[in-house]
Amino acid sequence: MNLANKLTILRILLIPVFMFFLLTDTTYGMEIAAFLFIVAAITDAFDGYIARNYNQITTLGKFIDPLADKLLVSAALISLVQLGKVSALVVVIIISREFIISVLRSVAAAEGIVIAASSWGKLKTITQIIAIIVILLDNFPFKYINFPFDTIMIWTSVIFTVLSGVDYIIINKDVILKEK
C-alpha cells in the first residue's frame, strides 16, 4: 500500500477519535476535536498531492479518497447538529448533494466515464472545511470582534455545495439522459 492511500486510511481512522473528543465531555475536547479535524483535512491535501506527483494513483485511492472526505465532513456536520451548532437544514442540503453526485459518478463509472473533481467541487470542499473548523473553534478569533464568520462560512459552503452540484449535473447531463 502506498503513502497516499495510507494517509487516506489515516483520515478515516481519525474520524471516530475526532467524534469521541467532539461528543464527550472531556477537558479541551472541542479543541482536540478541532485539531484532529485539521490534521484529517491536511491529509486530504497531502494524499492527493502525493498520488499525483509521485505516480501513486490507484483504483483503491480513487475509491477511498472521496469516501474518506464524505465520511469526515458528514461526521463533523452531523455531530455539530447534535451539539446545536449547525442547522439540520444545512446538513441535509450538503449531504443530499453528496448522495446525488455519488450516484451520478456511479452511473457514469458504469458507462466507463470518469467524472473528475471540478473547481466548484474543490471550492465546496475548502469552504466546508473552513466552516467546520471555525465552528469547532467557536468562531475564534472572530467572536472577539463580534463578526459572524462561522455563519458566513457555513452558508457560503452551502452556496458552493449547491453550485457545484448543479455544475456536475449540467456538465454530465448526457450521462443522466442517456437511454439504452
N, C-alpha and C. Protein backbone atom coordinates (compact mmCIF):
# COMPACT_ATOMS: atom_id res chain seq x y z
N MET A 1 0.84 -1.18 0.00
CA MET A 1 0.00 0.00 0.00
C MET A 1 0.89 1.24 0.00
N ASN A 2 0.57 2.19 -0.87
CA ASN A 2 1.42 3.37 -1.00
C ASN A 2 1.09 4.44 0.06
N LEU A 3 1.93 5.47 0.12
CA LEU A 3 1.79 6.52 1.13
C LEU A 3 0.49 7.29 0.99
N ALA A 4 0.09 7.59 -0.24
CA ALA A 4 -1.16 8.35 -0.46
C ALA A 4 -2.34 7.59 0.14
N ASN A 5 -2.43 6.30 -0.12
CA ASN A 5 -3.54 5.50 0.42
C ASN A 5 -3.44 5.37 1.94
N LYS A 6 -2.25 5.30 2.48
CA LYS A 6 -2.08 5.23 3.93
C LYS A 6 -2.60 6.51 4.60
N LEU A 7 -2.33 7.65 3.96
CA LEU A 7 -2.84 8.92 4.50
C LEU A 7 -4.37 8.96 4.46
N THR A 8 -4.95 8.43 3.39
CA THR A 8 -6.40 8.39 3.28
C THR A 8 -6.99 7.50 4.37
N ILE A 9 -6.38 6.35 4.60
CA ILE A 9 -6.86 5.44 5.64
C ILE A 9 -6.69 6.08 7.02
N LEU A 10 -5.60 6.81 7.21
CA LEU A 10 -5.41 7.54 8.47
C LEU A 10 -6.56 8.52 8.68
N ARG A 11 -6.97 9.21 7.62
CA ARG A 11 -8.08 10.16 7.71
C ARG A 11 -9.35 9.45 8.18
N ILE A 12 -9.62 8.28 7.63
CA ILE A 12 -10.80 7.51 8.03
C ILE A 12 -10.69 7.08 9.50
N LEU A 13 -9.50 6.64 9.90
CA LEU A 13 -9.30 6.19 11.28
C LEU A 13 -9.39 7.34 12.29
N LEU A 14 -9.10 8.55 11.85
CA LEU A 14 -9.20 9.71 12.74
C LEU A 14 -10.65 10.10 13.04
N ILE A 15 -11.58 9.69 12.18
CA ILE A 15 -12.97 10.12 12.34
C ILE A 15 -13.57 9.71 13.68
N PRO A 16 -13.51 8.44 14.09
CA PRO A 16 -14.10 8.11 15.39
C PRO A 16 -13.38 8.77 16.57
N VAL A 17 -12.07 8.98 16.45
CA VAL A 17 -11.32 9.66 17.51
C VAL A 17 -11.77 11.12 17.59
N PHE A 18 -11.88 11.76 16.43
CA PHE A 18 -12.40 13.13 16.35
C PHE A 18 -13.78 13.22 17.00
N MET A 19 -14.67 12.28 16.64
CA MET A 19 -16.03 12.31 17.18
C MET A 19 -16.05 12.06 18.68
N PHE A 20 -15.18 11.20 19.17
CA PHE A 20 -15.10 10.96 20.61
C PHE A 20 -14.84 12.26 21.35
N PHE A 21 -13.82 13.00 20.92
CA PHE A 21 -13.48 14.25 21.61
C PHE A 21 -14.55 15.32 21.40
N LEU A 22 -15.19 15.30 20.25
CA LEU A 22 -16.22 16.30 19.96
C LEU A 22 -17.48 16.05 20.80
N LEU A 23 -17.85 14.80 20.97
CA LEU A 23 -19.15 14.48 21.57
C LEU A 23 -19.11 14.08 23.04
N THR A 24 -17.92 13.92 23.61
CA THR A 24 -17.86 13.59 25.03
C THR A 24 -17.40 14.81 25.81
N ASP A 25 -17.79 14.86 27.04
CA ASP A 25 -17.47 16.00 27.89
C ASP A 25 -16.09 15.78 28.52
N THR A 26 -15.06 16.05 27.73
CA THR A 26 -13.70 15.90 28.22
C THR A 26 -13.02 17.27 28.22
N THR A 27 -12.04 17.42 29.07
CA THR A 27 -11.30 18.68 29.13
C THR A 27 -10.64 18.92 27.78
N TYR A 28 -10.86 20.10 27.24
CA TYR A 28 -10.32 20.51 25.94
C TYR A 28 -10.80 19.62 24.79
N GLY A 29 -11.92 18.95 24.97
CA GLY A 29 -12.44 18.05 23.95
C GLY A 29 -12.68 18.73 22.62
N MET A 30 -13.30 19.92 22.66
CA MET A 30 -13.60 20.63 21.42
C MET A 30 -12.31 21.07 20.72
N GLU A 31 -11.33 21.51 21.48
CA GLU A 31 -10.06 21.93 20.90
C GLU A 31 -9.31 20.74 20.29
N ILE A 32 -9.33 19.62 21.00
CA ILE A 32 -8.69 18.41 20.47
C ILE A 32 -9.41 17.95 19.21
N ALA A 33 -10.74 18.00 19.23
CA ALA A 33 -11.52 17.62 18.05
C ALA A 33 -11.17 18.54 16.87
N ALA A 34 -11.05 19.83 17.13
CA ALA A 34 -10.70 20.77 16.06
C ALA A 34 -9.31 20.45 15.50
N PHE A 35 -8.36 20.16 16.38
CA PHE A 35 -7.01 19.79 15.95
C PHE A 35 -7.04 18.53 15.09
N LEU A 36 -7.78 17.51 15.54
CA LEU A 36 -7.86 16.26 14.78
C LEU A 36 -8.54 16.48 13.42
N PHE A 37 -9.55 17.32 13.39
CA PHE A 37 -10.22 17.63 12.12
C PHE A 37 -9.24 18.32 11.17
N ILE A 38 -8.47 19.25 11.69
CA ILE A 38 -7.48 19.96 10.86
C ILE A 38 -6.44 18.97 10.33
N VAL A 39 -5.95 18.08 11.18
CA VAL A 39 -4.98 17.06 10.74
C VAL A 39 -5.60 16.20 9.64
N ALA A 40 -6.83 15.77 9.84
CA ALA A 40 -7.51 14.95 8.83
C ALA A 40 -7.67 15.72 7.53
N ALA A 41 -8.04 16.98 7.61
CA ALA A 41 -8.20 17.80 6.40
C ALA A 41 -6.87 17.98 5.67
N ILE A 42 -5.80 18.13 6.43
CA ILE A 42 -4.47 18.27 5.82
C ILE A 42 -4.08 16.98 5.10
N THR A 43 -4.42 15.82 5.68
CA THR A 43 -4.09 14.57 4.99
C THR A 43 -4.80 14.49 3.64
N ASP A 44 -5.96 15.12 3.54
CA ASP A 44 -6.68 15.14 2.26
C ASP A 44 -5.86 15.88 1.20
N ALA A 45 -5.29 17.00 1.59
CA ALA A 45 -4.47 17.76 0.64
C ALA A 45 -3.21 16.98 0.28
N PHE A 46 -2.56 16.39 1.27
CA PHE A 46 -1.31 15.69 1.02
C PHE A 46 -1.49 14.40 0.23
N ASP A 47 -2.55 13.63 0.51
CA ASP A 47 -2.67 12.36 -0.21
C ASP A 47 -2.89 12.59 -1.70
N GLY A 48 -3.67 13.62 -2.04
CA GLY A 48 -3.86 13.94 -3.46
C GLY A 48 -2.58 14.42 -4.11
N TYR A 49 -1.86 15.28 -3.41
CA TYR A 49 -0.59 15.78 -3.93
C TYR A 49 0.40 14.64 -4.16
N ILE A 50 0.53 13.79 -3.18
CA ILE A 50 1.47 12.66 -3.27
C ILE A 50 1.06 11.71 -4.39
N ALA A 51 -0.23 11.40 -4.47
CA ALA A 51 -0.70 10.47 -5.50
C ALA A 51 -0.40 11.00 -6.90
N ARG A 52 -0.68 12.29 -7.12
CA ARG A 52 -0.47 12.87 -8.46
C ARG A 52 1.01 13.05 -8.80
N ASN A 53 1.77 13.56 -7.84
CA ASN A 53 3.16 13.92 -8.13
C ASN A 53 4.16 12.78 -8.02
N TYR A 54 3.77 11.71 -7.38
CA TYR A 54 4.67 10.58 -7.23
C TYR A 54 4.11 9.32 -7.87
N ASN A 55 3.19 9.53 -8.81
CA ASN A 55 2.60 8.44 -9.59
C ASN A 55 2.07 7.32 -8.68
N GLN A 56 1.29 7.72 -7.68
CA GLN A 56 0.73 6.75 -6.74
C GLN A 56 -0.80 6.68 -6.86
N ILE A 57 -1.33 7.05 -8.00
CA ILE A 57 -2.78 6.98 -8.20
C ILE A 57 -3.16 5.51 -8.39
N THR A 58 -4.11 5.06 -7.55
CA THR A 58 -4.54 3.66 -7.61
C THR A 58 -6.06 3.60 -7.67
N THR A 59 -6.58 2.45 -8.06
CA THR A 59 -8.02 2.24 -8.07
C THR A 59 -8.56 2.37 -6.64
N LEU A 60 -7.84 1.79 -5.67
CA LEU A 60 -8.25 1.91 -4.28
C LEU A 60 -8.31 3.37 -3.85
N GLY A 61 -7.30 4.13 -4.20
CA GLY A 61 -7.26 5.55 -3.85
C GLY A 61 -8.41 6.34 -4.47
N LYS A 62 -8.74 6.04 -5.72
CA LYS A 62 -9.85 6.71 -6.39
C LYS A 62 -11.17 6.44 -5.68
N PHE A 63 -11.26 5.27 -5.04
CA PHE A 63 -12.48 4.91 -4.32
C PHE A 63 -12.50 5.47 -2.90
N ILE A 64 -11.41 5.26 -2.14
CA ILE A 64 -11.47 5.61 -0.73
C ILE A 64 -11.22 7.09 -0.44
N ASP A 65 -10.52 7.82 -1.32
CA ASP A 65 -10.27 9.24 -1.05
C ASP A 65 -11.57 10.03 -0.99
N PRO A 66 -12.43 9.97 -2.02
CA PRO A 66 -13.69 10.73 -1.90
C PRO A 66 -14.59 10.20 -0.79
N LEU A 67 -14.52 8.89 -0.53
CA LEU A 67 -15.30 8.31 0.56
C LEU A 67 -14.83 8.88 1.90
N ALA A 68 -13.53 8.95 2.10
CA ALA A 68 -12.97 9.50 3.33
C ALA A 68 -13.40 10.95 3.52
N ASP A 69 -13.37 11.73 2.44
CA ASP A 69 -13.79 13.13 2.51
C ASP A 69 -15.24 13.24 2.96
N LYS A 70 -16.10 12.45 2.33
CA LYS A 70 -17.53 12.50 2.65
C LYS A 70 -17.79 12.03 4.08
N LEU A 71 -17.09 10.99 4.52
CA LEU A 71 -17.26 10.50 5.89
C LEU A 71 -16.82 11.55 6.91
N LEU A 72 -15.68 12.18 6.66
CA LEU A 72 -15.17 13.18 7.60
C LEU A 72 -16.11 14.37 7.71
N VAL A 73 -16.49 14.94 6.58
CA VAL A 73 -17.36 16.12 6.59
C VAL A 73 -18.74 15.76 7.14
N SER A 74 -19.29 14.62 6.73
CA SER A 74 -20.61 14.22 7.23
C SER A 74 -20.58 13.97 8.73
N ALA A 75 -19.56 13.28 9.22
CA ALA A 75 -19.45 13.02 10.66
C ALA A 75 -19.37 14.33 11.43
N ALA A 76 -18.58 15.26 10.94
CA ALA A 76 -18.44 16.55 11.62
C ALA A 76 -19.77 17.30 11.62
N LEU A 77 -20.41 17.39 10.46
CA LEU A 77 -21.64 18.17 10.38
C LEU A 77 -22.78 17.54 11.19
N ILE A 78 -22.93 16.23 11.12
CA ILE A 78 -23.98 15.57 11.90
C ILE A 78 -23.72 15.75 13.40
N SER A 79 -22.48 15.65 13.81
CA SER A 79 -22.13 15.86 15.22
C SER A 79 -22.42 17.30 15.63
N LEU A 80 -22.14 18.25 14.75
CA LEU A 80 -22.40 19.65 15.07
C LEU A 80 -23.90 19.94 15.16
N VAL A 81 -24.71 19.20 14.40
CA VAL A 81 -26.17 19.32 14.55
C VAL A 81 -26.56 18.82 15.94
N GLN A 82 -26.02 17.67 16.34
CA GLN A 82 -26.32 17.11 17.66
C GLN A 82 -25.96 18.10 18.77
N LEU A 83 -24.88 18.83 18.58
CA LEU A 83 -24.44 19.80 19.59
C LEU A 83 -25.17 21.14 19.49
N GLY A 84 -26.06 21.27 18.49
CA GLY A 84 -26.82 22.50 18.32
C GLY A 84 -26.02 23.65 17.72
N LYS A 85 -24.93 23.32 17.03
CA LYS A 85 -24.06 24.35 16.47
C LYS A 85 -24.30 24.61 14.98
N VAL A 86 -25.02 23.70 14.32
CA VAL A 86 -25.31 23.84 12.89
C VAL A 86 -26.76 23.42 12.66
N SER A 87 -27.40 24.12 11.75
CA SER A 87 -28.79 23.80 11.39
C SER A 87 -28.85 22.47 10.64
N ALA A 88 -29.87 21.68 10.96
CA ALA A 88 -30.07 20.41 10.24
C ALA A 88 -30.32 20.68 8.76
N LEU A 89 -30.94 21.79 8.42
CA LEU A 89 -31.19 22.14 7.01
C LEU A 89 -29.89 22.22 6.24
N VAL A 90 -28.90 22.87 6.80
CA VAL A 90 -27.58 22.98 6.17
C VAL A 90 -27.02 21.59 5.89
N VAL A 91 -27.09 20.72 6.88
CA VAL A 91 -26.50 19.39 6.77
C VAL A 91 -27.27 18.54 5.76
N VAL A 92 -28.58 18.65 5.74
CA VAL A 92 -29.37 17.90 4.76
C VAL A 92 -29.02 18.35 3.34
N ILE A 93 -28.87 19.64 3.12
CA ILE A 93 -28.51 20.15 1.79
C ILE A 93 -27.14 19.59 1.38
N ILE A 94 -26.17 19.69 2.27
CA ILE A 94 -24.80 19.25 1.95
C ILE A 94 -24.75 17.74 1.71
N ILE A 95 -25.35 16.96 2.59
CA ILE A 95 -25.29 15.51 2.43
C ILE A 95 -26.12 15.05 1.23
N SER A 96 -27.24 15.71 0.97
CA SER A 96 -28.04 15.36 -0.21
C SER A 96 -27.24 15.55 -1.48
N ARG A 97 -26.53 16.65 -1.57
CA ARG A 97 -25.69 16.89 -2.75
C ARG A 97 -24.65 15.78 -2.90
N GLU A 98 -24.06 15.35 -1.78
CA GLU A 98 -23.05 14.31 -1.85
C GLU A 98 -23.64 13.00 -2.36
N PHE A 99 -24.85 12.65 -1.90
CA PHE A 99 -25.52 11.44 -2.40
C PHE A 99 -25.81 11.55 -3.89
N ILE A 100 -26.34 12.69 -4.30
CA ILE A 100 -26.71 12.89 -5.71
C ILE A 100 -25.49 12.75 -6.61
N ILE A 101 -24.41 13.42 -6.25
CA ILE A 101 -23.20 13.39 -7.09
C ILE A 101 -22.53 12.02 -7.03
N SER A 102 -22.60 11.35 -5.89
CA SER A 102 -22.05 9.99 -5.80
C SER A 102 -22.80 9.03 -6.72
N VAL A 103 -24.12 9.15 -6.77
CA VAL A 103 -24.92 8.32 -7.67
C VAL A 103 -24.58 8.66 -9.12
N LEU A 104 -24.47 9.95 -9.43
CA LEU A 104 -24.10 10.38 -10.78
C LEU A 104 -22.75 9.79 -11.17
N ARG A 105 -21.79 9.85 -10.27
CA ARG A 105 -20.47 9.28 -10.56
C ARG A 105 -20.54 7.77 -10.76
N SER A 106 -21.38 7.09 -9.98
CA SER A 106 -21.54 5.63 -10.12
C SER A 106 -22.14 5.27 -11.47
N VAL A 107 -23.17 6.03 -11.87
CA VAL A 107 -23.79 5.78 -13.17
C VAL A 107 -22.78 6.03 -14.28
N ALA A 108 -22.03 7.11 -14.17
CA ALA A 108 -21.01 7.42 -15.17
C ALA A 108 -19.94 6.33 -15.22
N ALA A 109 -19.50 5.87 -14.05
CA ALA A 109 -18.47 4.83 -13.99
C ALA A 109 -18.96 3.55 -14.66
N ALA A 110 -20.24 3.24 -14.49
CA ALA A 110 -20.81 2.04 -15.14
C ALA A 110 -20.77 2.17 -16.65
N GLU A 111 -20.75 3.40 -17.14
CA GLU A 111 -20.66 3.67 -18.57
C GLU A 111 -19.21 3.88 -19.03
N GLY A 112 -18.27 3.71 -18.11
CA GLY A 112 -16.86 3.90 -18.44
C GLY A 112 -16.42 5.35 -18.44
N ILE A 113 -17.21 6.22 -17.81
CA ILE A 113 -16.92 7.65 -17.78
C ILE A 113 -16.44 8.02 -16.37
N VAL A 114 -15.34 8.74 -16.30
CA VAL A 114 -14.82 9.21 -15.03
C VAL A 114 -15.18 10.69 -14.89
N ILE A 115 -15.84 11.03 -13.81
CA ILE A 115 -16.18 12.43 -13.55
C ILE A 115 -15.15 12.97 -12.56
N ALA A 116 -14.29 13.83 -13.05
CA ALA A 116 -13.23 14.40 -12.22
C ALA A 116 -13.79 15.52 -11.36
N ALA A 117 -13.07 15.83 -10.30
CA ALA A 117 -13.44 16.95 -9.44
C ALA A 117 -13.32 18.25 -10.22
N SER A 118 -14.28 19.13 -10.03
CA SER A 118 -14.27 20.42 -10.71
C SER A 118 -13.76 21.50 -9.76
N SER A 119 -13.54 22.69 -10.31
CA SER A 119 -13.14 23.82 -9.47
C SER A 119 -14.22 24.14 -8.45
N TRP A 120 -15.49 24.05 -8.87
CA TRP A 120 -16.60 24.28 -7.94
C TRP A 120 -16.57 23.26 -6.80
N GLY A 121 -16.30 22.01 -7.14
CA GLY A 121 -16.23 20.96 -6.12
C GLY A 121 -15.10 21.21 -5.13
N LYS A 122 -13.98 21.69 -5.64
CA LYS A 122 -12.86 21.99 -4.75
C LYS A 122 -13.17 23.18 -3.84
N LEU A 123 -13.84 24.21 -4.40
CA LEU A 123 -14.26 25.35 -3.58
C LEU A 123 -15.26 24.91 -2.51
N LYS A 124 -16.15 24.00 -2.88
CA LYS A 124 -17.12 23.44 -1.94
C LYS A 124 -16.40 22.79 -0.77
N THR A 125 -15.43 21.96 -1.08
CA THR A 125 -14.70 21.25 -0.03
C THR A 125 -13.94 22.22 0.87
N ILE A 126 -13.26 23.17 0.28
CA ILE A 126 -12.48 24.15 1.05
C ILE A 126 -13.38 24.96 1.97
N THR A 127 -14.51 25.44 1.44
CA THR A 127 -15.40 26.25 2.29
C THR A 127 -16.04 25.41 3.39
N GLN A 128 -16.36 24.15 3.09
CA GLN A 128 -16.92 23.28 4.13
C GLN A 128 -15.90 23.06 5.24
N ILE A 129 -14.67 22.80 4.88
CA ILE A 129 -13.62 22.55 5.88
C ILE A 129 -13.38 23.80 6.73
N ILE A 130 -13.29 24.96 6.08
CA ILE A 130 -13.09 26.20 6.84
C ILE A 130 -14.27 26.44 7.78
N ALA A 131 -15.49 26.26 7.28
CA ALA A 131 -16.67 26.47 8.11
C ALA A 131 -16.66 25.55 9.32
N ILE A 132 -16.37 24.29 9.11
CA ILE A 132 -16.37 23.32 10.22
C ILE A 132 -15.30 23.69 11.24
N ILE A 133 -14.11 24.06 10.78
CA ILE A 133 -13.04 24.43 11.71
C ILE A 133 -13.44 25.65 12.54
N VAL A 134 -13.98 26.66 11.90
CA VAL A 134 -14.36 27.88 12.62
C VAL A 134 -15.48 27.58 13.62
N ILE A 135 -16.41 26.73 13.24
CA ILE A 135 -17.49 26.36 14.16
C ILE A 135 -16.92 25.56 15.33
N LEU A 136 -16.02 24.63 15.05
CA LEU A 136 -15.39 23.85 16.13
C LEU A 136 -14.64 24.76 17.10
N LEU A 137 -14.06 25.82 16.57
CA LEU A 137 -13.30 26.77 17.41
C LEU A 137 -14.17 27.89 17.97
N ASP A 138 -15.49 27.70 17.89
CA ASP A 138 -16.45 28.66 18.45
C ASP A 138 -16.22 30.07 17.90
N ASN A 139 -16.02 30.13 16.58
CA ASN A 139 -15.84 31.38 15.84
C ASN A 139 -14.60 32.17 16.27
N PHE A 140 -13.62 31.46 16.80
CA PHE A 140 -12.36 32.10 17.18
C PHE A 140 -11.58 32.46 15.93
N PRO A 141 -10.97 33.59 15.84
CA PRO A 141 -10.90 34.73 16.77
C PRO A 141 -11.98 35.77 16.51
N PHE A 142 -12.86 35.49 15.57
CA PHE A 142 -13.83 36.48 15.10
C PHE A 142 -14.87 36.85 16.16
N LYS A 143 -15.08 35.98 17.13
CA LYS A 143 -16.07 36.29 18.18
C LYS A 143 -15.64 37.51 18.99
N TYR A 144 -14.34 37.79 19.04
CA TYR A 144 -13.87 38.93 19.83
C TYR A 144 -14.16 40.27 19.17
N ILE A 145 -14.47 40.25 17.88
CA ILE A 145 -14.86 41.49 17.20
C ILE A 145 -16.32 41.42 16.75
N ASN A 146 -17.03 40.43 17.31
CA ASN A 146 -18.46 40.26 17.05
C ASN A 146 -18.77 40.14 15.55
N PHE A 147 -17.93 39.36 14.86
CA PHE A 147 -18.11 39.13 13.42
C PHE A 147 -18.54 37.68 13.20
N PRO A 148 -19.69 37.45 12.59
CA PRO A 148 -20.22 36.09 12.46
C PRO A 148 -19.58 35.28 11.32
N PHE A 149 -18.26 35.16 11.36
CA PHE A 149 -17.54 34.46 10.30
C PHE A 149 -18.00 33.02 10.16
N ASP A 150 -18.31 32.36 11.29
CA ASP A 150 -18.78 30.97 11.24
C ASP A 150 -20.09 30.85 10.46
N THR A 151 -21.02 31.75 10.70
CA THR A 151 -22.30 31.74 10.00
C THR A 151 -22.10 32.04 8.51
N ILE A 152 -21.27 33.03 8.23
CA ILE A 152 -20.99 33.38 6.83
C ILE A 152 -20.37 32.19 6.10
N MET A 153 -19.42 31.53 6.75
CA MET A 153 -18.73 30.41 6.08
C MET A 153 -19.64 29.21 5.88
N ILE A 154 -20.51 28.90 6.84
CA ILE A 154 -21.35 27.72 6.65
C ILE A 154 -22.34 27.96 5.51
N TRP A 155 -22.89 29.18 5.42
CA TRP A 155 -23.82 29.46 4.32
C TRP A 155 -23.08 29.61 2.99
N THR A 156 -21.84 30.11 3.02
CA THR A 156 -21.02 30.14 1.81
C THR A 156 -20.77 28.72 1.33
N SER A 157 -20.50 27.81 2.26
CA SER A 157 -20.28 26.41 1.87
C SER A 157 -21.55 25.80 1.30
N VAL A 158 -22.71 26.18 1.83
CA VAL A 158 -23.98 25.68 1.26
C VAL A 158 -24.14 26.18 -0.17
N ILE A 159 -23.84 27.45 -0.40
CA ILE A 159 -23.95 28.02 -1.75
C ILE A 159 -23.02 27.28 -2.71
N PHE A 160 -21.76 27.08 -2.31
CA PHE A 160 -20.82 26.36 -3.19
C PHE A 160 -21.22 24.90 -3.35
N THR A 161 -21.81 24.32 -2.33
CA THR A 161 -22.29 22.93 -2.41
C THR A 161 -23.36 22.82 -3.49
N VAL A 162 -24.33 23.71 -3.44
CA VAL A 162 -25.42 23.69 -4.43
C VAL A 162 -24.88 24.01 -5.82
N LEU A 163 -24.05 25.05 -5.94
CA LEU A 163 -23.50 25.42 -7.25
C LEU A 163 -22.67 24.29 -7.85
N SER A 164 -21.85 23.64 -7.04
CA SER A 164 -21.03 22.55 -7.57
C SER A 164 -21.90 21.37 -7.98
N GLY A 165 -22.95 21.10 -7.22
CA GLY A 165 -23.87 20.02 -7.59
C GLY A 165 -24.56 20.29 -8.91
N VAL A 166 -25.05 21.52 -9.07
CA VAL A 166 -25.71 21.91 -10.32
C VAL A 166 -24.71 21.84 -11.47
N ASP A 167 -23.49 22.30 -11.23
CA ASP A 167 -22.44 22.26 -12.26
C ASP A 167 -22.16 20.83 -12.71
N TYR A 168 -22.00 19.90 -11.76
CA TYR A 168 -21.77 18.49 -12.12
C TYR A 168 -22.93 17.93 -12.94
N ILE A 169 -24.15 18.26 -12.54
CA ILE A 169 -25.32 17.73 -13.24
C ILE A 169 -25.41 18.30 -14.65
N ILE A 170 -25.19 19.60 -14.80
CA ILE A 170 -25.27 20.22 -16.13
C ILE A 170 -24.18 19.66 -17.05
N ILE A 171 -22.95 19.63 -16.56
CA ILE A 171 -21.84 19.14 -17.38
C ILE A 171 -22.03 17.68 -17.77
N ASN A 172 -22.64 16.90 -16.89
CA ASN A 172 -22.77 15.47 -17.13
C ASN A 172 -24.21 15.05 -17.41
N LYS A 173 -25.01 15.97 -17.93
CA LYS A 173 -26.42 15.66 -18.19
C LYS A 173 -26.58 14.52 -19.20
N ASP A 174 -25.63 14.36 -20.10
CA ASP A 174 -25.71 13.27 -21.08
C ASP A 174 -25.66 11.90 -20.39
N VAL A 175 -24.93 11.82 -19.28
CA VAL A 175 -24.87 10.56 -18.53
C VAL A 175 -26.24 10.23 -17.95
N ILE A 176 -26.92 11.25 -17.46
CA ILE A 176 -28.22 11.07 -16.83
C ILE A 176 -29.30 10.77 -17.88
N LEU A 177 -29.24 11.49 -19.00
CA LEU A 177 -30.30 11.41 -20.00
C LEU A 177 -30.08 10.30 -21.03
N LYS A 178 -28.93 9.64 -20.94
CA LYS A 178 -28.61 8.59 -21.91
C LYS A 178 -29.59 7.43 -21.79
N GLU A 179 -30.14 7.03 -22.92
CA GLU A 179 -31.05 5.89 -22.95
C GLU A 179 -30.32 4.71 -23.58
N LYS A 180 -30.64 3.53 -23.11
CA LYS A 180 -30.01 2.33 -23.66
C LYS A 180 -30.79 1.79 -24.82
